Amino acid sequence: MMESDRNYLSREEVDSKLIKGEYVHTFKQGGMALLGCDWKREDILKLIDNGNKAELSGEMATNMGHGVVVWDGDSPLFCETVGDKT
């Protein structure tokens, strides 16, 4: 994906898109498999506070209900969002 195609999000935009509650389901690429787990909402938002970027996910992750990516260093963390499952 080209840099100009990315849709970066603010902390507030991410917070409004995440599913409600203290924990948010996430997944990361783990070699040949996707690794899913629940993260504390505040820990996800702290990644952004610490200078990590957040953006809209691509079509595949969005269709899986994980419409936001928050970068954890060089590793994308796909986060479950409201209303994205098809």
PDB file of N, CA and C in Angstrom:
ATOM      1  N   MET A   1       0.848  -1.170   0.000  1.00  0.00           N
ATOM      2  CA  MET A   1       0.000   0.000   0.000  1.00  0.00           C
ATOM      3  C   MET A   1       0.894   1.234   0.000  1.00  0.00           C
ATOM      4  N   MET A   2       0.522   2.190  -0.832  1.00  0.00           N
ATOM      5  CA  MET A   2       1.288   3.429  -0.897  1.00  0.00           C
ATOM      6  C   MET A   2       0.910   4.332   0.272  1.00  0.00           C
ATOM      7  N   GLU A   3       1.851   5.130   0.702  1.00  0.00           N
ATOM      8  CA  GLU A   3       1.620   6.037   1.834  1.00  0.00           C
ATOM      9  C   GLU A   3       0.396   6.925   1.589  1.00  0.00           C
ATOM     10  N   SER A   4       0.202   7.363   0.360  1.00  0.00           N
ATOM     11  CA  SER A   4      -0.926   8.245   0.054  1.00  0.00           C
ATOM     12  C   SER A   4      -2.280   7.529   0.161  1.00  0.00           C
ATOM     13  N   ASP A   5      -2.271   6.193   0.156  1.00  0.00           N
ATOM     14  CA  ASP A   5      -3.508   5.415   0.264  1.00  0.00           C
ATOM     15  C   ASP A   5      -3.922   5.154   1.714  1.00  0.00           C
ATOM     16  N   ARG A   6      -3.071   5.495   2.655  1.00  0.00           N
ATOM     17  CA  ARG A   6      -3.345   5.213   4.059  1.00  0.00           C
ATOM     18  C   ARG A   6      -4.290   6.262   4.640  1.00  0.00           C
ATOM     19  N   ASN A   7      -5.172   5.801   5.527  1.00  0.00           N
ATOM     20  CA  ASN A   7      -6.114   6.689   6.213  1.00  0.00           C
ATOM     21  C   ASN A   7      -5.788   6.665   7.699  1.00  0.00           C
ATOM     22  N   TYR A   8      -4.906   7.580   8.126  1.00  0.00           N
ATOM     23  CA  TYR A   8      -4.477   7.611   9.518  1.00  0.00           C
ATOM     24  C   TYR A   8      -5.585   8.155  10.408  1.00  0.00           C
ATOM     25  N   LEU A   9      -5.603   7.659  11.634  1.00  0.00           N
ATOM     26  CA  LEU A   9      -6.646   8.002  12.599  1.00  0.00           C
ATOM     27  C   LEU A   9      -6.038   8.590  13.859  1.00  0.00           C
ATOM     28  N   SER A  10      -6.775   9.498  14.486  1.00  0.00           N
ATOM     29  CA  SER A  10      -6.367  10.038  15.778  1.00  0.00           C
ATOM     30  C   SER A  10      -6.766   9.067  16.884  1.00  0.00           C
ATOM     31  N   ARG A  11      -6.266   9.307  18.069  1.00  0.00           N
ATOM     32  CA  ARG A  11      -6.632   8.500  19.237  1.00  0.00           C
ATOM     33  C   ARG A  11      -8.150   8.506  19.426  1.00  0.00           C
ATOM     34  N   GLU A  12      -8.761   9.674  19.295  1.00  0.00           N
ATOM     35  CA  GLU A  12     -10.204   9.803  19.494  1.00  0.00           C
ATOM     36  C   GLU A  12     -10.985   9.037  18.433  1.00  0.00           C
ATOM     37  N   GLU A  13     -10.506   9.069  17.198  1.00  0.00           N
ATOM     38  CA  GLU A  13     -11.176   8.319  16.129  1.00  0.00           C
ATOM     39  C   GLU A  13     -11.089   6.822  16.376  1.00  0.00           C
ATOM     40  N   VAL A  14      -9.918   6.352  16.803  1.00  0.00           N
ATOM     41  CA  VAL A  14      -9.762   4.929  17.115  1.00  0.00           C
ATOM     42  C   VAL A  14     -10.693   4.549  18.259  1.00  0.00           C
ATOM     43  N   ASP A  15     -10.695   5.338  19.314  1.00  0.00           N
ATOM     44  CA  ASP A  15     -11.535   5.040  20.480  1.00  0.00           C
ATOM     45  C   ASP A  15     -13.008   4.934  20.080  1.00  0.00           C
ATOM     46  N   SER A  16     -13.452   5.782  19.174  1.00  0.00           N
ATOM     47  CA  SER A  16     -14.865   5.750  18.766  1.00  0.00           C
ATOM     48  C   SER A  16     -15.192   4.562  17.866  1.00  0.00           C
ATOM     49  N   LYS A  17     -14.193   4.005  17.179  1.00  0.00           N
ATOM     50  CA  LYS A  17     -14.425   2.882  16.273  1.00  0.00           C
ATOM     51  C   LYS A  17     -14.320   1.522  16.959  1.00  0.00           C
ATOM     52  N   LEU A  18     -13.555   1.446  18.052  1.00  0.00           N
ATOM     53  CA  LEU A  18     -13.391   0.170  18.749  1.00  0.00           C
ATOM     54  C   LEU A  18     -14.715  -0.282  19.366  1.00  0.00           C
ATOM     55  N   ILE A  19     -14.885  -1.616  19.463  1.00  0.00           N
ATOM     56  CA  ILE A  19     -16.068  -2.119  20.149  1.00  0.00           C
ATOM     57  C   ILE A  19     -16.061  -1.579  21.572  1.00  0.00           C
ATOM     58  N   LYS A  20     -17.219  -1.473  22.148  1.00  0.00           N
ATOM     59  CA  LYS A  20     -17.333  -0.924  23.503  1.00  0.00           C
ATOM     60  C   LYS A  20     -16.870  -1.954  24.525  1.00  0.00           C
ATOM     61  N   GLY A  21     -16.364  -1.455  25.634  1.00  0.00           N
ATOM     62  CA  GLY A  21     -15.951  -2.324  26.723  1.00  0.00           C
ATOM     63  C   GLY A  21     -14.499  -2.128  27.095  1.00  0.00           C
ATOM     64  N   GLU A  22     -14.116  -2.777  28.178  1.00  0.00           N
ATOM     65  CA  GLU A  22     -12.752  -2.661  28.701  1.00  0.00           C
ATOM     66  C   GLU A  22     -11.741  -3.414  27.841  1.00  0.00           C
ATOM     67  N   TYR A  23     -12.188  -4.502  27.183  1.00  0.00           N
ATOM     68  CA  TYR A  23     -11.309  -5.329  26.357  1.00  0.00           C
ATOM     69  C   TYR A  23     -11.772  -5.316  24.914  1.00  0.00           C
ATOM     70  N   VAL A  24     -10.812  -5.397  23.990  1.00  0.00           N
ATOM     71  CA  VAL A  24     -11.075  -5.388  22.559  1.00  0.00           C
ATOM     72  C   VAL A  24     -10.383  -6.612  21.955  1.00  0.00           C
ATOM     73  N   HIS A  25     -11.120  -7.366  21.127  1.00  0.00           N
ATOM     74  CA  HIS A  25     -10.489  -8.498  20.453  1.00  0.00           C
ATOM     75  C   HIS A  25      -9.532  -7.977  19.392  1.00  0.00           C
ATOM     76  N   THR A  26      -8.370  -8.593  19.295  1.00  0.00           N
ATOM     77  CA  THR A  26      -7.345  -8.192  18.334  1.00  0.00           C
ATOM     78  C   THR A  26      -6.752  -9.438  17.696  1.00  0.00           C
ATOM     79  N   PHE A  27      -6.025  -9.223  16.605  1.00  0.00           N
ATOM     80  CA  PHE A  27      -5.177 -10.293  16.082  1.00  0.00           C
ATOM     81  C   PHE A  27      -3.936  -9.702  15.444  1.00  0.00           C
ATOM     82  N   LYS A  28      -2.897 -10.537  15.432  1.00  0.00           N
ATOM     83  CA  LYS A  28      -1.615 -10.211  14.801  1.00  0.00           C
ATOM     84  C   LYS A  28      -1.219 -11.387  13.928  1.00  0.00           C
ATOM     85  N   GLN A  29      -0.380 -11.125  12.955  1.00  0.00           N
ATOM     86  CA  GLN A  29       0.185 -12.192  12.148  1.00  0.00           C
ATOM     87  C   GLN A  29       1.232 -12.907  12.992  1.00  0.00           C
ATOM     88  N   GLY A  30       1.120 -14.208  13.083  1.00  0.00           N
ATOM     89  CA  GLY A  30       2.075 -14.987  13.862  1.00  0.00           C
ATOM     90  C   GLY A  30       2.683 -16.087  13.027  1.00  0.00           C
ATOM     91  N   GLY A  31       3.587 -15.727  12.131  1.00  0.00           N
ATOM     92  CA  GLY A  31       4.159 -16.723  11.234  1.00  0.00           C
ATOM     93  C   GLY A  31       3.124 -17.153  10.213  1.00  0.00           C
ATOM     94  N   MET A  32       2.724 -18.422  10.270  1.00  0.00           N
ATOM     95  CA  MET A  32       1.761 -18.959   9.300  1.00  0.00           C
ATOM     96  C   MET A  32       0.325 -18.868   9.799  1.00  0.00           C
ATOM     97  N   ALA A  33       0.105 -18.280  10.952  1.00  0.00           N
ATOM     98  CA  ALA A  33      -1.235 -18.226  11.535  1.00  0.00           C
ATOM     99  C   ALA A  33      -1.537 -16.833  12.074  1.00  0.00           C
ATOM    100  N   LEU A  34      -2.815 -16.568  12.262  1.00  0.00           N
ATOM    101  CA  LEU A  34      -3.228 -15.350  12.945  1.00  0.00           C
ATOM    102  C   LEU A  34      -3.362 -15.661  14.425  1.00  0.00           C
ATOM    103  N   LEU A  35      -2.818 -14.807  15.259  1.00  0.00           N
ATOM    104  CA  LEU A  35      -2.906 -14.979  16.704  1.00  0.00           C
ATOM    105  C   LEU A  35      -3.891 -13.961  17.253  1.00  0.00           C
ATOM    106  N   GLY A  36      -4.957 -14.431  17.855  1.00  0.00           N
ATOM    107  CA  GLY A  36      -5.968 -13.543  18.399  1.00  0.00           C
ATOM    108  C   GLY A  36      -5.932 -13.522  19.911  1.00  0.00           C
ATOM    109  N   CYS A  37      -6.212 -12.356  20.461  1.00  0.00           N
ATOM    110  CA  CYS A  37      -6.343 -12.232  21.903  1.00  0.00           C
ATOM    111  C   CYS A  37      -7.054 -10.925  22.224  1.00  0.00           C
ATOM    112  N   ASP A  38      -7.513 -10.805  23.445  1.00  0.00           N
ATOM    113  CA  ASP A  38      -8.151  -9.570  23.898  1.00  0.00           C
ATOM    114  C   ASP A  38      -7.098  -8.678  24.545  1.00  0.00           C
ATOM    115  N   TRP A  39      -7.123  -7.409  24.156  1.00  0.00           N
ATOM    116  CA  TRP A  39      -6.238  -6.392  24.737  1.00  0.00           C
ATOM    117  C   TRP A  39      -7.093  -5.429  25.528  1.00  0.00           C
ATOM    118  N   LYS A  40      -6.521  -4.872  26.586  1.00  0.00           N
ATOM    119  CA  LYS A  40      -7.204  -3.794  27.284  1.00  0.00           C
ATOM    120  C   LYS A  40      -7.307  -2.596  26.347  1.00  0.00           C
ATOM    121  N   ARG A  41      -8.488  -2.007  26.294  1.00  0.00           N
ATOM    122  CA  ARG A  41      -8.730  -0.836  25.454  1.00  0.00           C
ATOM    123  C   ARG A  41      -7.686   0.248  25.725  1.00  0.00           C
ATOM    124  N   GLU A  42      -7.427   0.530  26.999  1.00  0.00           N
ATOM    125  CA  GLU A  42      -6.468   1.580  27.354  1.00  0.00           C
ATOM    126  C   GLU A  42      -5.060   1.249  26.872  1.00  0.00           C
ATOM    127  N   ASP A  43      -4.685  -0.023  26.844  1.00  0.00           N
ATOM    128  CA  ASP A  43      -3.354  -0.393  26.349  1.00  0.00           C
ATOM    129  C   ASP A  43      -3.243  -0.149  24.844  1.00  0.00           C
ATOM    130  N   ILE A  44      -4.325  -0.377  24.120  1.00  0.00           N
ATOM    131  CA  ILE A  44      -4.333  -0.072  22.681  1.00  0.00           C
ATOM    132  C   ILE A  44      -4.168   1.434  22.478  1.00  0.00           C
ATOM    133  N   LEU A  45      -4.935   2.207  23.224  1.00  0.00           N
ATOM    134  CA  LEU A  45      -4.872   3.660  23.084  1.00  0.00           C
ATOM    135  C   LEU A  45      -3.513   4.210  23.525  1.00  0.00           C
ATOM    136  N   LYS A  46      -2.866   3.554  24.498  1.00  0.00           N
ATOM    137  CA  LYS A  46      -1.528   3.976  24.936  1.00  0.00           C
ATOM    138  C   LYS A  46      -0.499   3.812  23.822  1.00  0.00           C
ATOM    139  N   LEU A  47      -0.692   2.810  22.946  1.00  0.00           N
ATOM    140  CA  LEU A  47       0.219   2.665  21.809  1.00  0.00           C
ATOM    141  C   LEU A  47       0.217   3.946  20.977  1.00  0.00           C
ATOM    142  N   ILE A  48      -0.972   4.502  20.764  1.00  0.00           N
ATOM    143  CA  ILE A  48      -1.091   5.742  19.994  1.00  0.00           C
ATOM    144  C   ILE A  48      -0.477   6.902  20.774  1.00  0.00           C
ATOM    145  N   ASP A  49      -0.769   6.963  22.072  1.00  0.00           N
ATOM    146  CA  ASP A  49      -0.202   8.022  22.920  1.00  0.00           C
ATOM    147  C   ASP A  49       1.323   8.009  22.881  1.00  0.00           C
ATOM    148  N   ASN A  50       1.907   6.825  22.686  1.00  0.00           N
ATOM    149  CA  ASN A  50       3.363   6.677  22.665  1.00  0.00           C
ATOM    150  C   ASN A  50       3.955   6.883  21.273  1.00  0.00           C
ATOM    151  N   GLY A  51       3.149   7.402  20.346  1.00  0.00           N
ATOM    152  CA  GLY A  51       3.677   7.766  19.035  1.00  0.00           C
ATOM    153  C   GLY A  51       3.484   6.751  17.935  1.00  0.00           C
ATOM    154  N   ASN A  52       2.822   5.632  18.224  1.00  0.00           N
ATOM    155  CA  ASN A  52       2.552   4.648  17.183  1.00  0.00           C
ATOM    156  C   ASN A  52       1.383   5.119  16.331  1.00  0.00           C
ATOM    157  N   LYS A  53       1.412   4.786  15.055  1.00  0.00           N
ATOM    158  CA  LYS A  53       0.358   5.202  14.138  1.00  0.00           C
ATOM    159  C   LYS A  53      -0.840   4.253  14.223  1.00  0.00           C
ATOM    160  N   ALA A  54      -1.995   4.793  13.855  1.00  0.00           N
ATOM    161  CA  ALA A  54      -3.222   4.006  13.739  1.00  0.00           C
ATOM    162  C   ALA A  54      -3.857   4.381  12.406  1.00  0.00           C
ATOM    163  N   GLU A  55      -4.494   3.403  11.775  1.00  0.00           N
ATOM    164  CA  GLU A  55      -5.107   3.643  10.474  1.00  0.00           C
ATOM    165  C   GLU A  55      -6.250   2.670  10.240  1.00  0.00           C
ATOM    166  N   LEU A  56      -7.015   2.947   9.186  1.00  0.00           N
ATOM    167  CA  LEU A  56      -8.063   2.023   8.793  1.00  0.00           C
ATOM    168  C   LEU A  56      -7.433   0.764   8.221  1.00  0.00           C
ATOM    169  N   SER A  57      -8.035  -0.380   8.503  1.00  0.00           N
ATOM    170  CA  SER A  57      -7.554  -1.655   7.975  1.00  0.00           C
ATOM    171  C   SER A  57      -7.904  -1.788   6.508  1.00  0.00           C
ATOM    172  N   GLY A  58      -7.287  -2.752   5.874  1.00  0.00           N
ATOM    173  CA  GLY A  58      -7.636  -3.093   4.505  1.00  0.00           C
ATOM    174  C   GLY A  58      -8.951  -3.855   4.452  1.00  0.00           C
ATOM    175  N   GLU A  59      -9.359  -4.179   3.264  1.00  0.00           N
ATOM    176  CA  GLU A  59     -10.663  -4.814   3.038  1.00  0.00           C
ATOM    177  C   GLU A  59     -10.804  -6.157   3.767  1.00  0.00           C
ATOM    178  N   MET A  60      -9.788  -7.004   3.722  1.00  0.00           N
ATOM    179  CA  MET A  60      -9.898  -8.330   4.324  1.00  0.00           C
ATOM    180  C   MET A  60     -10.104  -8.244   5.836  1.00  0.00           C
ATOM    181  N   ALA A  61      -9.267  -7.485   6.529  1.00  0.00           N
ATOM    182  CA  ALA A  61      -9.394  -7.367   7.984  1.00  0.00           C
ATOM    183  C   ALA A  61     -10.697  -6.677   8.363  1.00  0.00           C
ATOM    184  N   THR A  62     -11.090  -5.671   7.589  1.00  0.00           N
ATOM    185  CA  THR A  62     -12.345  -4.972   7.862  1.00  0.00           C
ATOM    186  C   THR A  62     -13.522  -5.934   7.732  1.00  0.00           C
ATOM    187  N   ASN A  63     -13.496  -6.775   6.703  1.00  0.00           N
ATOM    188  CA  ASN A  63     -14.568  -7.765   6.525  1.00  0.00           C
ATOM    189  C   ASN A  63     -14.587  -8.807   7.638  1.00  0.00           C
ATOM    190  N   MET A  64     -13.478  -8.944   8.345  1.00  0.00           N
ATOM    191  CA  MET A  64     -13.402  -9.845   9.504  1.00  0.00           C
ATOM    192  C   MET A  64     -13.788  -9.129  10.795  1.00  0.00           C
ATOM    193  N   GLY A  65     -14.240  -7.866  10.664  1.00  0.00           N
ATOM    194  CA  GLY A  65     -14.680  -7.105  11.831  1.00  0.00           C
ATOM    195  C   GLY A  65     -13.574  -6.395  12.579  1.00  0.00           C
ATOM    196  N   HIS A  66     -12.401  -6.287  11.970  1.00  0.00           N
ATOM    197  CA  HIS A  66     -11.249  -5.649  12.600  1.00  0.00           C
ATOM    198  C   HIS A  66     -10.805  -4.493  11.708  1.00  0.00           C
ATOM    199  N   GLY A  67     -11.555  -3.383  11.785  1.00  0.00           N
ATOM    200  CA  GLY A  67     -11.418  -2.282  10.852  1.00  0.00           C
ATOM    201  C   GLY A  67     -10.374  -1.241  11.190  1.00  0.00           C
ATOM    202  N   VAL A  68      -9.625  -1.450  12.273  1.00  0.00           N
ATOM    203  CA  VAL A  68      -8.578  -0.499  12.671  1.00  0.00           C
ATOM    204  C   VAL A  68      -7.279  -1.272  12.911  1.00  0.00           C
ATOM    205  N   VAL A  69      -6.187  -0.685  12.451  1.00  0.00           N
ATOM    206  CA  VAL A  69      -4.841  -1.211  12.726  1.00  0.00           C
ATOM    207  C   VAL A  69      -4.125  -0.199  13.593  1.00  0.00           C
ATOM    208  N   VAL A  70      -3.586  -0.655  14.715  1.00  0.00           N
ATOM    209  CA  VAL A  70      -2.710   0.173  15.539  1.00  0.00           C
ATOM    210  C   VAL A  70      -1.345  -0.503  15.499  1.00  0.00           C
ATOM    211  N   TRP A  71      -0.348   0.270  15.152  1.00  0.00           N
ATOM    212  CA  TRP A  71       0.989  -0.307  15.019  1.00  0.00           C
ATOM    213  C   TRP A  71       1.647  -0.424  16.386  1.00  0.00           C
ATOM    214  N   ASP A  72       2.154  -1.610  16.655  1.00  0.00           N
ATOM    215  CA  ASP A  72       2.898  -1.918  17.874  1.00  0.00           C
ATOM    216  C   ASP A  72       4.354  -2.050  17.446  1.00  0.00           C
ATOM    217  N   GLY A  73       5.028  -0.896  17.332  1.00  0.00           N
ATOM    218  CA  GLY A  73       6.353  -0.884  16.716  1.00  0.00           C
ATOM    219  C   GLY A  73       6.185  -1.143  15.228  1.00  0.00           C
ATOM    220  N   ASP A  74       6.799  -2.221  14.728  1.00  0.00           N
ATOM    221  CA  ASP A  74       6.683  -2.593  13.311  1.00  0.00           C
ATOM    222  C   ASP A  74       5.605  -3.645  13.077  1.00  0.00           C
ATOM    223  N   SER A  75       4.874  -3.996  14.107  1.00  0.00           N
ATOM    224  CA  SER A  75       3.893  -5.081  14.023  1.00  0.00           C
ATOM    225  C   SER A  75       2.471  -4.525  14.037  1.00  0.00           C
ATOM    226  N   PRO A  76       1.667  -4.854  13.018  1.00  0.00           N
ATOM    227  CA  PRO A  76       0.287  -4.364  13.003  1.00  0.00           C
ATOM    228  C   PRO A  76      -0.599  -5.150  13.966  1.00  0.00           C
ATOM    229  N   LEU A  77      -1.378  -4.418  14.749  1.00  0.00           N
ATOM    230  CA  LEU A  77      -2.348  -4.996  15.674  1.00  0.00           C
ATOM    231  C   LEU A  77      -3.738  -4.644  15.135  1.00  0.00           C
ATOM    232  N   PHE A  78      -4.452  -5.637  14.641  1.00  0.00           N
ATOM    233  CA  PHE A  78      -5.776  -5.428  14.061  1.00  0.00           C
ATOM    234  C   PHE A  78      -6.814  -5.493  15.178  1.00  0.00           C
ATOM    235  N   CYS A  79      -7.639  -4.470  15.273  1.00  0.00           N
ATOM    236  CA  CYS A  79      -8.558  -4.308  16.404  1.00  0.00           C
ATOM    237  C   CYS A  79     -10.012  -4.412  15.951  1.00  0.00           C
ATOM    238  N   GLU A  80     -10.818  -5.107  16.757  1.00  0.00           N
ATOM    239  CA  GLU A  80     -12.230  -5.269  16.442  1.00  0.00           C
ATOM    240  C   GLU A  80     -12.962  -3.938  16.549  1.00  0.00           C
ATOM    241  N   THR A  81     -13.787  -3.684  15.557  1.00  0.00           N
ATOM    242  CA  THR A  81     -14.497  -2.410  15.469  1.00  0.00           C
ATOM    243  C   THR A  81     -16.000  -2.633  15.341  1.00  0.00           C
ATOM    244  N   VAL A  82     -16.717  -1.600  15.615  1.00  0.00           N
ATOM    245  CA  VAL A  82     -18.181  -1.625  15.568  1.00  0.00           C
ATOM    246  C   VAL A  82     -18.647  -1.611  14.123  1.00  0.00           C
ATOM    247  N   GLY A  83     -19.532  -2.540  13.765  1.00  0.00           N
ATOM    248  CA  GLY A  83     -20.224  -2.503  12.492  1.00  0.00           C
ATOM    249  C   GLY A  83     -19.453  -2.823  11.253  1.00  0.00           C
ATOM    250  N   ASP A  84     -18.300  -3.498  11.343  1.00  0.00           N
ATOM    251  CA  ASP A  84     -17.514  -3.770  10.144  1.00  0.00           C
ATOM    252  C   ASP A  84     -17.670  -5.187   9.589  1.00  0.00           C
ATOM    253  N   LYS A  85     -18.282  -6.116  10.330  1.00  0.00           N
ATOM    254  CA  LYS A  85     -18.387  -7.491   9.837  1.00  0.00           C
ATOM    255  C   LYS A  85     -19.358  -7.562   8.671  1.00  0.00           C
ATOM    256  N   THR A  86     -18.965  -8.337   7.653  1.00  0.00           N
ATOM    257  CA  THR A  86     -19.873  -8.535   6.520  1.00  0.00           C
ATOM    258  C   THR A  86     -20.373  -9.957   6.491  1.00  0.00           C
TER     259      THR A  86
END
